[in-house]
C-alpha cells in the first residue's frame, strides 16, 4: 500500500525546500560577488593611473629637447601669459639656413617664442605671445604666402592684436614685423628693425639702443648665421636688454634638407642667461658654427662691466 501526501502539503514542502536552498546559495555566492566587484574597481583605478602616467610621459616627450638645459625651470611647470622679450629672426637664401634667437626675463623663453622650419623660415611670437600660432604661421609660409599676409591673417580676428609683437621671415629673406601699439607703459621701450635677410624686435627694453645694437651686430659679425644670431643677442644684452632682468635665452635653427631643428640651445633659468648661452655656444661642437671669435674657446665674457638693466627714462 502506497501513501502519498496531499497536494497542499506537497507544494508547501517544496516551497520550504526551495526557499532554504536559495538562501543557502545566496549566502555562498554573495562573498564571491563582493570580491569580484572590488577587484574590478581596483583594476579600473589602476588602468586610470596607468593611462594618466602614459599621458604625462607623452607630453614630456612632445616637448622639444634642449642641446643644453640649465637647472631651474622644468617642462610642465606653469608660466605667465605675457612674454616680454627681445629676439631676432634671420634667413640665408643661399645656404638654406634660417634661425631665431631670443632672450627675456621669462623662464624657458627659447621654447615658446621662436619657431623655425627647414626650407620655410622663422617666426617669433612675443608680448602676449601665442605659441599655438607658431606652426600655423610656418604652414602659411610653406604654402607660399608672403610674410606680411601671414601676420595679417593671424591677427585678423584677434581682439588683442595691438598687444602682440610678431616677426616672421621666409627663405627668400622677406621679413615682416607687427608691434604692440597698445602695450602698457611697463612694456616700453618696444620697437623693431629690419634689414637684409633679418628682423630684430623687442619690448620691455632699456631703450632703442638694444634694437640698434642687435641689428649692427648681425650685419657686421663675420661668421655663420648661427654666429651672427648669437652675436646679435649678446649685443642686445650688452646694450641693456630686457629692463626686468636676464633670466632665459635660446636659439633654434633649421637647415634645408635637415629634418627638425638643426641646432637648438637653451638656458631656461639663470642669473645671466645670454652670457651663459654664449658660453654654451662656445663650448659646443656643431657644424652650424663659423669663424667668429666669440663662438670659440677660451670663452671671454662679452661685456663684464655692463650696467644693471633698468626701465628707460620718461
Protein backbone atom coordinates (compact mmCIF):
# COMPACT_ATOMS: atom_id res chain seq x y z
CA UNK A 1 0.00 0.00 0.00
CA UNK A 2 1.47 3.38 -1.03
CA UNK A 3 0.92 6.52 0.99
CA UNK A 4 1.22 9.90 -0.73
CA UNK A 5 0.92 13.35 0.81
CA UNK A 6 -1.90 15.65 -0.06
CA UNK A 7 -1.25 18.12 -2.90
CA UNK A 8 -1.30 21.11 -0.49
CA UNK A 9 1.28 19.53 1.79
CA UNK A 10 3.45 18.57 -1.17
CA UNK A 11 3.61 22.12 -2.51
CA UNK A 12 4.25 23.60 0.94
CA UNK A 13 7.17 21.21 1.44
CA UNK A 14 8.60 22.02 -1.99
CA UNK A 15 8.31 25.76 -1.34
CA UNK A 16 10.14 25.48 2.00
CA UNK A 17 12.92 23.44 0.39
CA UNK A 18 13.40 25.92 -2.45
CA UNK A 19 13.50 28.90 -0.09
CA UNK A 20 16.08 27.21 2.15
CA UNK A 21 18.27 26.25 -0.84
CA UNK A 22 18.00 29.76 -2.36
CA UNK A 23 19.06 31.41 0.88
CA UNK A 24 21.96 28.99 1.17
CA UNK A 25 23.01 29.70 -2.41
CA UNK A 26 22.92 33.49 -1.86
CA UNK A 27 24.98 33.17 1.28
CA UNK A 28 27.57 31.23 -0.70
CA UNK A 29 27.57 33.48 -3.77
CA UNK A 30 27.45 36.96 -2.20
CA UNK A 31 31.08 36.96 -0.91
CA UNK A 32 32.24 35.98 -4.39
CA UNK A 33 30.25 38.84 -5.93
CA UNK A 34 31.69 41.35 -3.47
CA UNK A 35 35.27 40.17 -4.07
CA UNK A 36 34.76 40.33 -7.84
CA UNK A 37 33.34 43.85 -7.62
CA UNK A 38 36.23 45.07 -5.50
CA UNK A 39 38.73 43.54 -7.89
CA UNK A 40 37.03 45.16 -10.86
CA UNK A 41 37.07 48.58 -9.17
CA UNK A 42 40.72 48.18 -8.28
CA UNK A 43 41.59 47.17 -11.84
CA UNK A 44 39.76 50.17 -13.28
CA UNK A 45 41.54 52.51 -10.86
CA UNK A 46 44.91 51.04 -11.83
CA UNK A 47 44.08 51.41 -15.52
CA UNK A 48 43.21 55.09 -14.99
CA UNK A 49 46.50 55.66 -13.15
CA UNK A 50 48.46 53.95 -15.94
CA UNK A 51 46.63 55.97 -18.59
CA UNK A 52 47.43 59.20 -16.72
CA UNK A 53 51.09 58.21 -16.49
CA UNK A 54 51.19 57.42 -20.22
CA UNK A 55 49.66 60.82 -21.00
CA UNK A 56 52.20 62.64 -18.83
CA UNK A 57 55.08 60.76 -20.46
CA UNK A 58 53.74 61.58 -23.91
CA UNK A 59 53.52 65.26 -23.01
CA UNK A 60 57.10 65.27 -21.74
CA UNK A 61 58.31 63.54 -24.91
CA UNK A 62 56.46 66.05 -27.06
CA UNK A 63 58.47 68.93 -25.60
CA UNK A 64 61.49 69.99 -27.67
CA UNK A 65 64.78 68.55 -26.45
CA UNK A 66 67.45 71.05 -25.50
CA UNK A 67 71.03 70.82 -26.63
CA UNK A 68 71.86 72.21 -23.20
CA UNK A 69 69.44 72.77 -20.32
CA UNK A 70 70.23 74.70 -17.17
CA UNK A 71 68.80 73.92 -13.76
CA UNK A 72 65.66 75.64 -12.54
CA UNK A 73 62.52 75.63 -14.68
CA UNK A 74 61.32 72.19 -15.74
CA UNK A 75 58.86 71.23 -18.53
CA UNK A 76 55.32 71.11 -17.19
CA UNK A 77 55.64 74.00 -14.75
CA UNK A 78 53.18 76.86 -15.17
CA UNK A 79 54.30 80.04 -16.92
CA UNK A 80 52.88 83.56 -17.13
CA UNK A 81 50.83 84.63 -20.15
CA UNK A 82 52.99 87.53 -21.33
CA UNK A 83 56.38 87.11 -22.96
CA UNK A 84 58.21 90.43 -22.84
CA UNK A 85 61.48 89.93 -24.63
CA UNK A 86 63.87 90.74 -27.48
CA UNK A 87 64.55 88.47 -30.43
CA UNK A 88 65.91 88.19 -33.95
CA UNK A 89 64.82 86.11 -36.95
CA UNK A 90 67.10 85.58 -39.93
CA UNK A 91 67.49 83.57 -43.11
CA UNK A 92 70.27 82.91 -45.61
CA UNK A 93 68.71 82.18 -49.02
CA UNK A 94 72.00 80.88 -50.44
CA UNK A 95 72.76 78.23 -47.79
CA UNK A 96 69.13 77.44 -46.96
CA UNK A 97 69.69 78.15 -43.27
CA UNK A 98 67.25 80.05 -41.05
CA UNK A 99 67.04 80.68 -37.34
CA UNK A 100 65.82 82.72 -34.42
CA UNK A 101 67.38 83.74 -31.12
CA UNK A 102 65.66 85.21 -28.08
CA UNK A 103 66.28 86.46 -24.52
CA UNK A 104 63.96 87.56 -21.73
CA UNK A 105 63.16 87.81 -18.04
CA UNK A 106 60.83 84.86 -18.63
CA UNK A 107 61.55 81.18 -17.89
CA UNK A 108 62.39 78.91 -20.82
CA UNK A 109 61.70 81.68 -23.34
CA UNK A 110 63.59 79.81 -26.04
CA UNK A 111 60.89 77.15 -26.07
CA UNK A 112 57.80 79.34 -26.52
CA UNK A 113 58.84 82.33 -28.66
CA UNK A 114 60.89 81.12 -31.68
CA UNK A 115 59.71 78.67 -34.34
CA UNK A 116 61.80 77.61 -37.33
CA UNK A 117 61.38 75.08 -40.13
CA UNK A 118 63.76 73.81 -42.78
CA UNK A 119 63.13 75.29 -46.21
CA UNK A 120 60.39 77.57 -44.82
CA UNK A 121 61.64 80.28 -42.45
CA UNK A 122 61.40 81.56 -38.88
CA UNK A 123 58.68 83.12 -36.72
CA UNK A 124 58.63 84.73 -33.27
CA UNK A 125 55.59 85.47 -31.12
CA UNK A 126 56.13 87.67 -28.06
CA UNK A 127 54.37 90.17 -25.80
CA UNK A 128 51.05 88.48 -25.09
CA UNK A 129 52.59 85.67 -27.08
CA UNK A 130 50.50 82.95 -28.73
CA UNK A 131 52.57 79.74 -29.01
CA UNK A 132 49.76 77.96 -30.88
CA UNK A 133 50.40 80.35 -33.80
CA UNK A 134 53.95 79.05 -34.31
CA UNK A 135 53.34 76.07 -36.56
CA UNK A 136 50.34 77.57 -38.43
CA UNK A 137 52.46 80.62 -39.26
CA UNK A 138 55.13 78.38 -40.76
CA UNK A 139 52.48 76.35 -42.58
CA UNK A 140 51.30 79.55 -44.29
CA UNK A 141 54.85 80.45 -45.25
CA UNK A 142 55.36 76.95 -46.65
CA UNK A 143 52.31 77.43 -48.86
CA UNK A 144 53.97 80.45 -50.49
CA UNK A 145 52.07 83.13 -48.58
CA UNK A 146 54.04 86.40 -48.18
CA UNK A 147 55.19 87.14 -44.60
CA UNK A 148 53.08 90.28 -44.24
CA UNK A 149 49.95 88.38 -45.24
CA UNK A 150 50.74 85.62 -42.74
CA UNK A 151 50.74 88.18 -39.93
CA UNK A 152 47.59 89.82 -41.27
CA UNK A 153 45.72 86.52 -41.24
CA UNK A 154 46.90 85.61 -37.74
CA UNK A 155 45.78 88.98 -36.38
CA UNK A 156 42.58 89.42 -38.41
CA UNK A 157 40.14 88.15 -35.76
CA UNK A 158 42.33 88.75 -32.71
CA UNK A 159 40.82 91.20 -30.21
CA UNK A 160 44.28 91.64 -28.63
CA UNK A 161 46.15 92.23 -31.88
CA UNK A 162 47.61 95.52 -30.66
CA UNK A 163 49.17 93.72 -27.70
CA UNK A 164 51.07 91.27 -29.89
CA UNK A 165 54.60 91.57 -31.16
CA UNK A 166 55.31 89.23 -34.07
CA UNK A 167 58.17 88.76 -36.52
CA UNK A 168 58.46 86.43 -39.50
CA UNK A 169 60.92 85.77 -42.33
CA UNK A 170 60.84 83.37 -45.28
CA UNK A 171 63.72 81.67 -47.05
CA UNK A 172 64.00 84.38 -49.67
CA UNK A 173 64.73 86.87 -46.88
CA UNK A 174 61.37 88.68 -46.95
CA UNK A 175 60.52 89.82 -43.41
CA UNK A 176 57.54 91.40 -41.66
CA UNK A 177 57.02 92.69 -38.11
CA UNK A 178 53.96 93.67 -36.07
CA UNK A 179 54.49 95.85 -32.98
CA UNK A 180 52.30 96.02 -29.83
CA UNK A 181 50.98 99.57 -30.27
CA UNK A 182 48.63 99.24 -27.27
CA UNK A 183 51.28 97.79 -24.94
CA UNK A 184 51.13 99.12 -21.37
CA UNK A 185 53.67 101.58 -20.02
CA UNK A 186 55.69 98.83 -18.33
CA UNK A 187 56.33 97.27 -21.75
CA UNK A 188 58.28 100.25 -23.06
CA UNK A 189 60.68 100.54 -24.78
CA UNK A 190 59.35 98.49 -27.69
CA UNK A 191 60.33 98.60 -31.34
CA UNK A 192 61.71 96.70 -34.32
CA UNK A 193 64.19 96.99 -37.16
CA UNK A 194 64.53 95.01 -40.36
CA UNK A 195 67.49 94.69 -42.66
CA UNK A 196 68.93 92.41 -45.31
CA UNK A 197 67.54 88.97 -44.51
CA UNK A 198 66.80 89.64 -40.83
CA UNK A 199 64.43 91.37 -38.40
CA UNK A 200 65.09 92.20 -34.76
CA UNK A 201 62.37 93.26 -32.32
CA UNK A 202 61.75 93.66 -28.63
CA UNK A 203 59.68 95.10 -25.85
CA UNK A 204 60.22 95.90 -22.17
CA UNK A 205 63.68 97.08 -23.21
CA UNK A 206 66.04 99.55 -21.57
CA UNK A 207 65.92 101.67 -24.74
CA UNK A 208 66.14 101.88 -28.53
CA UNK A 209 69.86 101.12 -28.40
CA UNK A 210 69.04 97.45 -27.77
CA UNK A 211 67.41 97.04 -31.18
CA UNK A 212 70.06 99.13 -32.95
CA UNK A 213 72.89 97.13 -31.36
CA UNK A 214 71.33 93.83 -32.39
CA UNK A 215 70.94 94.97 -36.00
CA UNK A 216 74.51 96.27 -36.18
CA UNK A 217 75.94 93.07 -34.70
CA UNK A 218 74.07 90.83 -37.10
CA UNK A 219 75.19 92.89 -40.09
CA UNK A 220 78.82 93.32 -39.02
CA UNK A 221 79.73 89.94 -37.49
CA UNK A 222 81.92 87.78 -39.70
CA UNK A 223 80.80 84.20 -39.36
CA UNK A 224 77.94 81.78 -39.92
CA UNK A 225 74.24 82.56 -39.47
CA UNK A 226 74.39 80.94 -36.03
CA UNK A 227 77.43 83.05 -35.12
CA UNK A 228 75.63 86.22 -36.18
CA UNK A 229 72.44 85.35 -34.28
CA UNK A 230 74.36 84.76 -31.05
CA UNK A 231 76.38 87.93 -31.63
CA UNK A 232 73.16 89.93 -32.11
CA UNK A 233 71.69 88.54 -28.90
CA UNK A 234 74.86 89.39 -26.99
CA UNK A 235 74.89 92.92 -28.41
CA UNK A 236 71.29 93.49 -27.34
CA UNK A 237 72.05 92.20 -23.87
CA UNK A 238 75.18 94.33 -23.53
CA UNK A 239 73.18 97.37 -24.61
CA UNK A 240 70.72 96.80 -21.74
CA UNK A 241 68.33 94.12 -22.94
CA UNK A 242 65.13 93.41 -21.02
CA UNK A 243 64.90 96.02 -18.26
CA UNK A 244 63.45 93.46 -15.81
CA UNK A 245 66.47 91.16 -15.84
CA UNK A 246 68.31 88.34 -17.60
CA UNK A 247 66.56 85.05 -16.81
CA UNK A 248 66.45 82.95 -20.00
CA UNK A 249 67.65 82.73 -23.59
CA UNK A 250 67.66 80.34 -26.52
CA UNK A 251 68.40 79.75 -30.19
CA UNK A 252 66.74 77.48 -32.75
CA UNK A 253 67.97 76.86 -36.30
CA UNK A 254 66.91 74.83 -39.32
CA UNK A 255 68.77 73.85 -42.49
CA UNK A 256 67.47 72.86 -45.88
CA UNK A 257 67.05 69.07 -46.25
CA UNK A 258 67.59 68.53 -42.50
CA UNK A 259 64.55 67.33 -40.58
CA UNK A 260 63.62 69.08 -37.32
CA UNK A 261 65.84 71.59 -35.57
CA UNK A 262 69.37 71.60 -36.95
CA UNK A 263 70.60 73.41 -33.84
CA UNK A 264 68.82 74.18 -30.59
CA UNK A 265 70.40 75.53 -27.44
CA UNK A 266 68.63 76.83 -24.35
CA UNK A 267 69.24 78.45 -21.00
CA UNK A 268 65.93 78.08 -19.19
CA UNK A 269 66.73 79.86 -15.94
CA UNK A 270 69.85 81.79 -14.98
CA UNK A 271 71.12 84.99 -13.40
CA UNK A 272 72.87 85.91 -16.67
CA UNK A 273 71.15 83.94 -19.42
CA UNK A 274 72.63 85.46 -22.60
CA UNK A 275 76.19 85.20 -21.33
CA UNK A 276 75.53 81.62 -20.23
CA UNK A 277 74.06 80.83 -23.66
CA UNK A 278 77.13 82.36 -25.31
CA UNK A 279 79.37 80.22 -23.12
CA UNK A 280 77.47 77.07 -24.03
CA UNK A 281 77.69 78.01 -27.69
CA UNK A 282 81.46 78.48 -27.41
CA UNK A 283 81.75 75.04 -25.82
CA UNK A 284 79.52 73.41 -28.42
CA UNK A 285 80.91 71.40 -31.31
CA UNK A 286 78.48 71.83 -34.22
CA UNK A 287 78.77 72.40 -37.94
CA UNK A 288 76.48 75.45 -37.65
CA UNK A 289 79.35 77.39 -36.10
CA UNK A 290 81.65 79.58 -38.15
CA UNK A 291 84.84 81.55 -37.66
CA UNK A 292 83.50 84.17 -35.23
CA UNK A 293 85.89 84.51 -32.29
CA UNK A 294 83.02 84.89 -29.81
CA UNK A 295 81.92 81.34 -30.55
CA UNK A 296 85.26 79.78 -29.68
CA UNK A 297 87.15 78.74 -26.55
CA UNK A 298 88.57 80.06 -24.35
CA UNK A 299 85.34 81.88 -23.68
CA UNK A 300 85.64 85.60 -23.00
CA UNK A 301 82.72 87.39 -21.24
CA UNK A 302 81.49 89.90 -23.84
CA UNK A 303 80.66 92.86 -21.59
CA UNK A 304 81.62 92.23 -17.95
CA UNK A 305 81.12 95.87 -16.90
CA UNK A 306 77.68 96.41 -18.39
CA UNK A 307 75.22 98.28 -16.12
CA UNK A 308 72.29 96.62 -14.44
CA UNK A 309 69.13 96.78 -16.58
CA UNK A 310 66.55 99.44 -15.72
CA UNK A 311 63.44 100.91 -17.38
CA UNK A 312 64.01 103.73 -19.90
CA UNK A 313 63.73 107.31 -18.71
CA UNK A 314 60.47 109.08 -19.47
